[in-house]
Amino acid sequence: MSGVRSALMSTANPSPPTFGLSRLVQRATGLVVDGVRAVAFWTAALLPLALIAGLFAGVLEQHLGTVGAALLVNVVAAVVGHGHSPN
């Protein structure tokens, strides 16, 4: 009976061990994601101020393509940075 019991126990799939490198990669990935999210948040918050200043100064009137690209960047930054919480 003990042979059957040990055979059953040896076929179980244990959960894979968590190695230090795996944790390091997860932590580094989390830091990069948090950094990108923070930069996107602040870009979405401050880019409209720069656009308004450029429009009042008359600089952007000649570069409507640049204004459109900046608005697109602002929308993407708002989506990416949505989850950021400035502390």
Protein backbone atom coordinates (compact mmCIF):
# COMPACT_ATOMS: atom_id res chain seq x y z
CA MET A 1 0.00 0.00 0.00
CA SER A 2 2.81 2.37 0.76
CA GLY A 3 4.14 1.87 -2.79
CA VAL A 4 0.79 3.01 -4.21
CA ARG A 5 0.70 6.02 -1.91
CA SER A 6 4.21 7.18 -2.86
CA ALA A 7 3.43 6.65 -6.55
CA LEU A 8 0.34 8.84 -6.24
CA MET A 9 2.24 11.51 -4.36
CA SER A 10 5.06 11.63 -6.91
CA THR A 11 2.73 12.36 -9.81
CA ALA A 12 1.36 15.55 -8.27
CA ASN A 13 2.45 18.75 -9.99
CA PRO A 14 3.84 21.12 -7.39
CA SER A 15 3.59 24.82 -8.09
CA PRO A 16 6.75 26.16 -9.70
CA PRO A 17 9.13 27.84 -7.28
CA THR A 18 9.43 31.60 -7.43
CA PHE A 19 13.02 32.54 -8.10
CA GLY A 20 14.67 35.83 -7.23
CA LEU A 21 15.10 36.70 -10.91
CA SER A 22 11.37 36.30 -11.54
CA ARG A 23 10.56 38.69 -8.72
CA LEU A 24 13.17 41.13 -9.96
CA VAL A 25 11.66 41.12 -13.45
CA GLN A 26 8.15 41.59 -12.05
CA ARG A 27 9.31 44.49 -9.89
CA ALA A 28 11.22 46.13 -12.75
CA THR A 29 8.23 45.74 -15.06
CA GLY A 30 5.96 47.28 -12.44
CA LEU A 31 8.30 50.24 -12.01
CA VAL A 32 8.49 50.82 -15.77
CA VAL A 33 4.70 50.63 -16.15
CA ASP A 34 4.21 53.01 -13.22
CA GLY A 35 6.75 55.42 -14.71
CA VAL A 36 5.15 55.38 -18.15
CA ARG A 37 1.73 55.88 -16.57
CA ALA A 38 2.99 58.86 -14.53
CA VAL A 39 4.64 60.51 -17.55
CA ALA A 40 1.47 60.00 -19.59
CA PHE A 41 -0.66 61.47 -16.80
CA TRP A 42 1.43 64.62 -16.53
CA THR A 43 1.68 64.94 -20.31
CA ALA A 44 -2.12 64.81 -20.55
CA ALA A 45 -2.39 67.37 -17.76
CA LEU A 46 0.20 69.90 -19.01
CA LEU A 47 0.15 69.60 -22.80
CA PRO A 48 -3.14 71.52 -23.18
CA LEU A 49 -1.58 74.44 -21.28
CA ALA A 50 1.32 74.53 -23.73
CA LEU A 51 -1.09 74.35 -26.66
CA ILE A 52 -3.17 77.24 -25.33
CA ALA A 53 -0.04 79.33 -24.77
CA GLY A 54 1.13 78.54 -28.31
CA LEU A 55 -2.25 79.49 -29.77
CA PHE A 56 -2.30 82.80 -27.90
CA ALA A 57 1.26 83.54 -29.02
CA GLY A 58 0.26 82.84 -32.62
CA VAL A 59 2.98 80.25 -33.11
CA LEU A 60 0.69 77.30 -33.79
CA GLU A 61 -1.58 78.99 -36.31
CA GLN A 62 0.86 78.16 -39.09
CA HIS A 63 1.33 74.55 -37.95
CA LEU A 64 -2.15 73.03 -37.78
CA GLY A 65 -0.74 69.54 -38.38
CA THR A 66 1.37 69.96 -35.27
CA VAL A 67 -1.68 70.99 -33.27
CA GLY A 68 -3.59 67.95 -34.50
CA ALA A 69 -0.69 65.65 -33.61
CA ALA A 70 -0.42 67.24 -30.16
CA LEU A 71 -4.14 66.71 -29.58
CA LEU A 72 -3.77 63.07 -30.59
CA VAL A 73 -0.80 62.68 -28.22
CA ASN A 74 -2.91 64.29 -25.50
CA VAL A 75 -5.75 61.79 -25.99
CA VAL A 76 -3.36 58.81 -25.96
CA ALA A 77 -1.60 60.19 -22.87
CA ALA A 78 -4.94 60.63 -21.11
CA VAL A 79 -5.88 57.01 -21.81
CA VAL A 80 -2.51 55.60 -20.76
CA GLY A 81 -2.16 57.84 -17.71
CA HIS A 82 -5.73 57.39 -16.51
CA GLY A 83 -4.78 54.93 -13.75
CA HIS A 84 -2.05 57.13 -12.23
CA SER A 85 -2.63 58.61 -8.81
CA PRO A 86 -0.19 61.40 -7.95
CA ASN A 87 0.80 61.13 -4.31
